[in-house]
C-alpha atoms as a PDB file:
ATOM      1  CA  UNK A   1     133.540  49.119 -78.697  1.00  0.00           C
ATOM      2  CA  UNK A   2     130.133  48.386 -80.218  1.00  0.00           C
ATOM      3  CA  UNK A   3     128.624  45.440 -81.647  1.00  0.00           C
ATOM      4  CA  UNK A   4     128.026  45.275 -85.485  1.00  0.00           C
ATOM      5  CA  UNK A   5     124.570  46.284 -86.378  1.00  0.00           C
ATOM      6  CA  UNK A   6     123.987  42.763 -87.987  1.00  0.00           C
ATOM      7  CA  UNK A   7     125.158  41.060 -84.496  1.00  0.00           C
ATOM      8  CA  UNK A   8     122.519  43.276 -82.560  1.00  0.00           C
ATOM      9  CA  UNK A   9     120.077  42.255 -85.283  1.00  0.00           C
ATOM     10  CA  UNK A  10     120.635  38.785 -84.918  1.00  0.00           C
ATOM     11  CA  UNK A  11     120.452  38.567 -81.237  1.00  0.00           C
ATOM     12  CA  UNK A  12     117.136  40.914 -81.276  1.00  0.00           C
ATOM     13  CA  UNK A  13     115.673  38.448 -83.754  1.00  0.00           C
ATOM     14  CA  UNK A  14     116.779  35.465 -81.619  1.00  0.00           C
ATOM     15  CA  UNK A  15     114.850  37.005 -78.439  1.00  0.00           C
ATOM     16  CA  UNK A  16     111.762  37.694 -80.697  1.00  0.00           C
ATOM     17  CA  UNK A  17     111.849  33.919 -81.685  1.00  0.00           C
ATOM     18  CA  UNK A  18     112.362  32.542 -77.891  1.00  0.00           C
ATOM     19  CA  UNK A  19     109.372  34.856 -76.904  1.00  0.00           C
ATOM     20  CA  UNK A  20     107.303  33.741 -79.676  1.00  0.00           C
ATOM     21  CA  UNK A  21     107.993  29.983 -79.270  1.00  0.00           C
ATOM     22  CA  UNK A  22     107.044  30.441 -75.394  1.00  0.00           C
ATOM     23  CA  UNK A  23     103.918  32.275 -76.297  1.00  0.00           C
ATOM     24  CA  UNK A  24     102.949  29.358 -78.713  1.00  0.00           C
ATOM     25  CA  UNK A  25     103.869  26.740 -76.152  1.00  0.00           C
ATOM     26  CA  UNK A  26     101.801  28.332 -73.543  1.00  0.00           C
ATOM     27  CA  UNK A  27      98.842  28.733 -76.067  1.00  0.00           C
ATOM     28  CA  UNK A  28      99.108  25.284 -77.100  1.00  0.00           C
ATOM     29  CA  UNK A  29      99.186  24.162 -73.409  1.00  0.00           C
ATOM     30  CA  UNK A  30      95.895  25.974 -72.718  1.00  0.00           C
ATOM     31  CA  UNK A  31      94.220  24.855 -75.734  1.00  0.00           C
ATOM     32  CA  UNK A  32      95.027  21.228 -74.741  1.00  0.00           C
ATOM     33  CA  UNK A  33      93.551  22.020 -70.979  1.00  0.00           C
ATOM     34  CA  UNK A  34      90.673  23.572 -72.168  1.00  0.00           C
ATOM     35  CA  UNK A  35      89.899  20.445 -74.475  1.00  0.00           C
ATOM     36  CA  UNK A  36      90.665  18.013 -71.373  1.00  0.00           C
ATOM     37  CA  UNK A  37      88.219  20.429 -69.298  1.00  0.00           C
ATOM     38  CA  UNK A  38      85.372  20.149 -71.856  1.00  0.00           C
ATOM     39  CA  UNK A  39      85.864  16.446 -71.776  1.00  0.00           C
ATOM     40  CA  UNK A  40      85.318  16.246 -68.282  1.00  0.00           C
ATOM     41  CA  UNK A  41      82.183  18.623 -68.531  1.00  0.00           C
ATOM     42  CA  UNK A  42      80.720  16.680 -71.180  1.00  0.00           C
ATOM     43  CA  UNK A  43      81.039  13.625 -68.999  1.00  0.00           C
ATOM     44  CA  UNK A  44      79.409  15.233 -66.207  1.00  0.00           C
ATOM     45  CA  UNK A  45      76.576  16.438 -68.475  1.00  0.00           C
ATOM     46  CA  UNK A  46      76.109  13.093 -69.955  1.00  0.00           C
ATOM     47  CA  UNK A  47      76.006  11.400 -66.669  1.00  0.00           C
ATOM     48  CA  UNK A  48      73.525  13.780 -65.283  1.00  0.00           C
ATOM     49  CA  UNK A  49      71.352  12.801 -68.009  1.00  0.00           C
ATOM     50  CA  UNK A  50      71.312   9.333 -67.204  1.00  0.00           C
ATOM     51  CA  UNK A  51      67.464   8.278 -67.085  1.00  0.00           C
ATOM     52  CA  UNK A  52      67.693   6.558 -63.694  1.00  0.00           C
ATOM     53  CA  UNK A  53      67.964   9.767 -61.638  1.00  0.00           C
ATOM     54  CA  UNK A  54      64.516  10.793 -62.973  1.00  0.00           C
ATOM     55  CA  UNK A  55      62.929   7.398 -62.994  1.00  0.00           C
ATOM     56  CA  UNK A  56      64.298   5.697 -59.823  1.00  0.00           C
ATOM     57  CA  UNK A  57      65.474   8.721 -57.704  1.00  0.00           C
ATOM     58  CA  UNK A  58      62.321  10.869 -58.471  1.00  0.00           C
ATOM     59  CA  UNK A  59      64.325  14.226 -59.606  1.00  0.00           C
ATOM     60  CA  UNK A  60      62.217  16.290 -61.482  1.00  0.00           C
ATOM     61  CA  UNK A  61      62.686  16.258 -65.596  1.00  0.00           C
ATOM     62  CA  UNK A  62      62.592  19.857 -66.204  1.00  0.00           C
ATOM     63  CA  UNK A  63      65.108  22.455 -66.612  1.00  0.00           C
ATOM     64  CA  UNK A  64      65.803  23.033 -63.031  1.00  0.00           C
ATOM     65  CA  UNK A  65      65.936  19.204 -62.204  1.00  0.00           C
ATOM     66  CA  UNK A  66      68.664  18.578 -65.073  1.00  0.00           C
ATOM     67  CA  UNK A  67      70.648  21.885 -63.652  1.00  0.00           C
ATOM     68  CA  UNK A  68      70.811  20.607 -60.256  1.00  0.00           C
ATOM     69  CA  UNK A  69      72.184  17.311 -61.644  1.00  0.00           C
ATOM     70  CA  UNK A  70      74.732  18.917 -63.732  1.00  0.00           C
ATOM     71  CA  UNK A  71      75.811  21.066 -60.821  1.00  0.00           C
ATOM     72  CA  UNK A  72      76.107  17.790 -58.608  1.00  0.00           C
ATOM     73  CA  UNK A  73      78.313  16.110 -61.170  1.00  0.00           C
ATOM     74  CA  UNK A  74      80.572  18.890 -61.969  1.00  0.00           C
ATOM     75  CA  UNK A  75      81.043  19.628 -58.444  1.00  0.00           C
ATOM     76  CA  UNK A  76      82.036  16.031 -57.838  1.00  0.00           C
ATOM     77  CA  UNK A  77      84.481  16.256 -60.753  1.00  0.00           C
ATOM     78  CA  UNK A  78      86.042  19.642 -59.309  1.00  0.00           C
ATOM     79  CA  UNK A  79      86.229  18.039 -55.922  1.00  0.00           C
ATOM     80  CA  UNK A  80      88.340  15.291 -57.317  1.00  0.00           C
ATOM     81  CA  UNK A  81      90.490  17.565 -59.072  1.00  0.00           C
ATOM     82  CA  UNK A  82      91.677  19.013 -55.717  1.00  0.00           C
ATOM     83  CA  UNK A  83      94.119  16.192 -55.333  1.00  0.00           C
ATOM     84  CA  UNK A  84      95.789  17.134 -58.620  1.00  0.00           C
ATOM     85  CA  UNK A  85      97.217  20.644 -56.999  1.00  0.00           C
ATOM     86  CA  UNK A  86      97.621  23.428 -59.480  1.00  0.00           C
ATOM     87  CA  UNK A  87      97.021  21.523 -62.575  1.00  0.00           C
ATOM     88  CA  UNK A  88      93.615  20.463 -61.086  1.00  0.00           C
ATOM     89  CA  UNK A  89      92.940  24.007 -60.029  1.00  0.00           C
ATOM     90  CA  UNK A  90      93.446  25.210 -63.594  1.00  0.00           C
ATOM     91  CA  UNK A  91      91.049  22.315 -65.453  1.00  0.00           C
ATOM     92  CA  UNK A  92      88.170  23.300 -62.330  1.00  0.00           C
ATOM     93  CA  UNK A  93      88.499  26.997 -63.351  1.00  0.00           C
ATOM     94  CA  UNK A  94      87.900  26.212 -66.959  1.00  0.00           C
ATOM     95  CA  UNK A  95      85.111  23.628 -66.176  1.00  0.00           C
ATOM     96  CA  UNK A  96      83.388  26.018 -64.590  1.00  0.00           C
ATOM     97  CA  UNK A  97      83.775  28.660 -67.225  1.00  0.00           C
ATOM     98  CA  UNK A  98      82.847  26.206 -70.030  1.00  0.00           C
ATOM     99  CA  UNK A  99      79.619  25.305 -67.739  1.00  0.00           C
ATOM    100  CA  UNK A 100      78.744  29.123 -67.540  1.00  0.00           C
ATOM    101  CA  UNK A 101      79.270  29.394 -71.378  1.00  0.00           C
ATOM    102  CA  UNK A 102      77.088  26.445 -71.759  1.00  0.00           C
ATOM    103  CA  UNK A 103      74.407  27.819 -69.670  1.00  0.00           C
ATOM    104  CA  UNK A 104      74.446  31.093 -71.434  1.00  0.00           C
ATOM    105  CA  UNK A 105      74.186  29.446 -74.766  1.00  0.00           C
ATOM    106  CA  UNK A 106      71.122  27.402 -73.792  1.00  0.00           C
ATOM    107  CA  UNK A 107      69.491  30.291 -72.344  1.00  0.00           C
ATOM    108  CA  UNK A 108      69.767  32.130 -75.736  1.00  0.00           C
ATOM    109  CA  UNK A 109      68.390  28.809 -77.514  1.00  0.00           C
ATOM    110  CA  UNK A 110      65.208  28.906 -75.124  1.00  0.00           C
ATOM    111  CA  UNK A 111      64.755  32.574 -76.240  1.00  0.00           C
ATOM    112  CA  UNK A 112      65.749  34.440 -73.331  1.00  0.00           C
ATOM    113  CA  UNK A 113      66.496  37.978 -74.062  1.00  0.00           C
ATOM    114  CA  UNK A 114      69.978  39.218 -74.055  1.00  0.00           C
ATOM    115  CA  UNK A 115      69.287  41.809 -71.264  1.00  0.00           C
ATOM    116  CA  UNK A 116      68.322  38.697 -69.100  1.00  0.00           C
ATOM    117  CA  UNK A 117      70.802  36.228 -70.107  1.00  0.00           C
ATOM    118  CA  UNK A 118      73.668  37.884 -68.224  1.00  0.00           C
ATOM    119  CA  UNK A 119      71.642  38.121 -64.969  1.00  0.00           C
ATOM    120  CA  UNK A 120      70.555  34.442 -65.232  1.00  0.00           C
ATOM    121  CA  UNK A 121      74.094  33.197 -65.641  1.00  0.00           C
ATOM    122  CA  UNK A 122      75.129  35.278 -62.781  1.00  0.00           C
ATOM    123  CA  UNK A 123      72.237  33.837 -60.731  1.00  0.00           C
ATOM    124  CA  UNK A 124      73.193  30.152 -62.064  1.00  0.00           C
ATOM    125  CA  UNK A 125      76.726  31.311 -60.897  1.00  0.00           C
ATOM    126  CA  UNK A 126      75.570  31.829 -57.189  1.00  0.00           C
ATOM    127  CA  UNK A 127      73.787  28.777 -57.231  1.00  0.00           C
ATOM    128  CA  UNK A 128      76.573  26.569 -58.160  1.00  0.00           C
ATOM    129  CA  UNK A 129      78.669  27.959 -55.592  1.00  0.00           C
ATOM    130  CA  UNK A 130      75.904  27.865 -53.020  1.00  0.00           C
ATOM    131  CA  UNK A 131      75.359  23.944 -53.602  1.00  0.00           C
ATOM    132  CA  UNK A 132      79.000  23.223 -53.741  1.00  0.00           C
ATOM    133  CA  UNK A 133      79.806  24.674 -50.477  1.00  0.00           C
ATOM    134  CA  UNK A 134      76.882  22.657 -49.356  1.00  0.00           C
ATOM    135  CA  UNK A 135      77.887  19.486 -50.279  1.00  0.00           C
ATOM    136  CA  UNK A 136      81.623  20.159 -49.376  1.00  0.00           C
ATOM    137  CA  UNK A 137      80.194  20.531 -45.966  1.00  0.00           C
ATOM    138  CA  UNK A 138      78.222  17.466 -46.075  1.00  0.00           C
ATOM    139  CA  UNK A 139      81.333  15.244 -47.269  1.00  0.00           C
ATOM    140  CA  UNK A 140      84.019  16.925 -44.591  1.00  0.00           C
ATOM    141  CA  UNK A 141      81.267  16.158 -42.000  1.00  0.00           C
ATOM    142  CA  UNK A 142      80.764  12.465 -43.127  1.00  0.00           C
ATOM    143  CA  UNK A 143      84.653  12.091 -42.866  1.00  0.00           C
ATOM    144  CA  UNK A 144      84.700  13.757 -39.681  1.00  0.00           C
ATOM    145  CA  UNK A 145      81.568  11.568 -38.157  1.00  0.00           C
ATOM    146  CA  UNK A 146      83.285   8.241 -39.728  1.00  0.00           C
ATOM    147  CA  UNK A 147      86.586   9.059 -37.711  1.00  0.00           C
ATOM    148  CA  UNK A 148      84.502   9.851 -34.362  1.00  0.00           C
ATOM    149  CA  UNK A 149      82.447   6.579 -35.007  1.00  0.00           C
ATOM    150  CA  UNK A 150      85.566   4.411 -35.560  1.00  0.00           C
ATOM    151  CA  UNK A 151      86.863   6.283 -32.225  1.00  0.00           C
ATOM    152  CA  UNK A 152      83.717   5.131 -30.495  1.00  0.00           C
ATOM    153  CA  UNK A 153      82.648   8.621 -29.950  1.00  0.00           C
ATOM    154  CA  UNK A 154      79.217   9.239 -32.012  1.00  0.00           C
ATOM    155  CA  UNK A 155      77.156   6.993 -34.082  1.00  0.00           C
ATOM    156  CA  UNK A 156      77.515   8.722 -37.256  1.00  0.00           C
ATOM    157  CA  UNK A 157      74.006   9.517 -37.856  1.00  0.00           C
ATOM    158  CA  UNK A 158      74.408  13.200 -38.217  1.00  0.00           C
ATOM    159  CA  UNK A 159      76.699  12.984 -41.368  1.00  0.00           C
ATOM    160  CA  UNK A 160      74.103  10.562 -43.187  1.00  0.00           C
ATOM    161  CA  UNK A 161      71.515  13.548 -42.231  1.00  0.00           C
ATOM    162  CA  UNK A 162      73.971  16.301 -43.539  1.00  0.00           C
ATOM    163  CA  UNK A 163      74.393  14.902 -47.071  1.00  0.00           C
ATOM    164  CA  UNK A 164      70.786  13.930 -47.331  1.00  0.00           C
ATOM    165  CA  UNK A 165      69.591  17.410 -46.152  1.00  0.00           C
ATOM    166  CA  UNK A 166      72.003  18.807 -48.738  1.00  0.00           C
ATOM    167  CA  UNK A 167      70.426  16.554 -51.343  1.00  0.00           C
ATOM    168  CA  UNK A 168      66.851  16.955 -50.504  1.00  0.00           C
ATOM    169  CA  UNK A 169      67.214  20.864 -50.169  1.00  0.00           C
ATOM    170  CA  UNK A 170      69.341  21.363 -53.577  1.00  0.00           C
ATOM    171  CA  UNK A 171      68.132  18.360 -55.613  1.00  0.00           C
ATOM    172  CA  UNK A 172      64.344  18.007 -54.638  1.00  0.00           C
ATOM    173  CA  UNK A 173      63.681  21.579 -53.258  1.00  0.00           C
ATOM    174  CA  UNK A 174      60.011  21.810 -52.290  1.00  0.00           C
ATOM    175  CA  UNK A 175      59.252  18.507 -53.844  1.00  0.00           C
ATOM    176  CA  UNK A 176      58.878  15.181 -51.214  1.00  0.00           C
ATOM    177  CA  UNK A 177      60.629  12.286 -52.806  1.00  0.00           C
ATOM    178  CA  UNK A 178      58.844   9.134 -52.664  1.00  0.00           C
ATOM    179  CA  UNK A 179      60.226   6.475 -50.330  1.00  0.00           C
ATOM    180  CA  UNK A 180      63.581   4.917 -51.366  1.00  0.00           C
ATOM    181  CA  UNK A 181      64.350   7.657 -53.923  1.00  0.00           C
ATOM    182  CA  UNK A 182      66.449   9.868 -51.814  1.00  0.00           C
ATOM    183  CA  UNK A 183      67.836   6.845 -50.437  1.00  0.00           C
ATOM    184  CA  UNK A 184      68.929   5.763 -53.997  1.00  0.00           C
ATOM    185  CA  UNK A 185      70.342   9.006 -54.925  1.00  0.00           C
ATOM    186  CA  UNK A 186      72.493   9.165 -51.785  1.00  0.00           C
ATOM    187  CA  UNK A 187      73.910   5.748 -52.234  1.00  0.00           C
ATOM    188  CA  UNK A 188      75.053   6.827 -55.855  1.00  0.00           C
ATOM    189  CA  UNK A 189      76.439  10.247 -54.646  1.00  0.00           C
ATOM    190  CA  UNK A 190      78.442   8.271 -52.034  1.00  0.00           C
ATOM    191  CA  UNK A 191      79.652   6.119 -54.585  1.00  0.00           C
ATOM    192  CA  UNK A 192      80.543   8.616 -57.428  1.00  0.00           C
ATOM    193  CA  UNK A 193      82.442  10.556 -54.739  1.00  0.00           C
ATOM    194  CA  UNK A 194      84.554   7.149 -53.844  1.00  0.00           C
ATOM    195  CA  UNK A 195      84.966   6.201 -57.369  1.00  0.00           C
ATOM    196  CA  UNK A 196      86.304   9.502 -58.790  1.00  0.00           C
ATOM    197  CA  UNK A 197      88.486   9.870 -55.319  1.00  0.00           C
ATOM    198  CA  UNK A 198      90.106   6.464 -56.140  1.00  0.00           C
ATOM    199  CA  UNK A 199      90.623   7.344 -59.551  1.00  0.00           C
ATOM    200  CA  UNK A 200      94.342   8.270 -60.396  1.00  0.00           C
ATOM    201  CA  UNK A 201      94.454  11.997 -60.682  1.00  0.00           C
ATOM    202  CA  UNK A 202      96.727  11.412 -63.788  1.00  0.00           C
ATOM    203  CA  UNK A 203      93.473  10.093 -65.591  1.00  0.00           C
ATOM    204  CA  UNK A 204      91.346  13.159 -64.376  1.00  0.00           C
ATOM    205  CA  UNK A 205      93.886  15.479 -65.658  1.00  0.00           C
ATOM    206  CA  UNK A 206      93.649  13.764 -69.246  1.00  0.00           C
ATOM    207  CA  UNK A 207      89.825  14.360 -69.503  1.00  0.00           C
ATOM    208  CA  UNK A 208      88.629  10.908 -68.206  1.00  0.00           C
ATOM    209  CA  UNK A 209      85.706  11.058 -65.239  1.00  0.00           C
ATOM    210  CA  UNK A 210      85.095   7.207 -63.642  1.00  0.00           C
ATOM    211  CA  UNK A 211      81.595   7.840 -62.813  1.00  0.00           C
ATOM    212  CA  UNK A 212      79.750   4.659 -61.445  1.00  0.00           C
ATOM    213  CA  UNK A 213      76.593   3.322 -63.006  1.00  0.00           C
ATOM    214  CA  UNK A 214      73.330   5.483 -62.616  1.00  0.00           C
ATOM    215  CA  UNK A 215      70.728   4.267 -60.371  1.00  0.00           C
ATOM    216  CA  UNK A 216      68.794   1.705 -61.751  1.00  0.00           C
ATOM    217  CA  UNK A 217      71.314   0.807 -64.496  1.00  0.00           C
ATOM    218  CA  UNK A 218      74.226  -1.716 -64.524  1.00  0.00           C
ATOM    219  CA  UNK A 219      77.609  -0.573 -65.484  1.00  0.00           C
ATOM    220  CA  UNK A 220      77.621  -2.672 -68.941  1.00  0.00           C
ATOM    221  CA  UNK A 221      74.461  -1.169 -69.680  1.00  0.00           C
ATOM    222  CA  UNK A 222      75.468   2.541 -69.258  1.00  0.00           C
ATOM    223  CA  UNK A 223      78.907   1.860 -70.845  1.00  0.00           C
ATOM    224  CA  UNK A 224      76.991   0.479 -73.832  1.00  0.00           C
ATOM    225  CA  UNK A 225      74.844   3.290 -74.226  1.00  0.00           C
ATOM    226  CA  UNK A 226      78.148   5.372 -74.324  1.00  0.00           C
ATOM    227  CA  UNK A 227      79.740   3.723 -77.140  1.00  0.00           C
ATOM    228  CA  UNK A 228      79.059   5.343 -80.752  1.00  0.00           C
ATOM    229  CA  UNK A 229      76.897   3.060 -82.943  1.00  0.00           C
ATOM    230  CA  UNK A 230      78.107   2.399 -86.279  1.00  0.00           C
ATOM    231  CA  UNK A 231      75.618   3.923 -88.791  1.00  0.00           C
ATOM    232  CA  UNK A 232      73.744   1.525 -90.952  1.00  0.00           C
END
């Protein structure tokens, strides 16, 4: 015995509504994740633009210098997101995509032609992955070296040289930093990695990044600089 046509239509309609509802929930979830990823990317960019990196650490205040610092801070955020398992991976993927879209837009605003933009963005993506791999290796060596030192095996100097070498190569390039500059950057990077690692991953997933004060700045001054100022 067949079900009445009206019953079949009602079942199909209910199924379609359920499918549509599921698609809408997924779209809403993805939109929320993208907004939180954008907030983390903006936090990384704003931190990379703090004056202390250029005045106290001697990073070149140029397109390349600013890009290298953005890469460093985005890497630190993505590294911290690994603790959040799959939700952290999704945010990390979105941050990288947002970063590449931002680089694309900036290149176009700088007058780079359409035919060259794609190649430049691909080059930037390769640069990001290469630098991220170098920083990761340095941090893992740091952890392993600290464990060896606590066991009385080794003096730990190689780990410091590893991260310092990675920063020297990827931030300063062929330029030789002045005495004290790379040491200040090194202390900051270690502190930033620890601060983000110590932040509850729920806060990171909510789009909040707890960067420490930039070199040469107090935490209070940096927080005040980020506060919106009321219009007169």
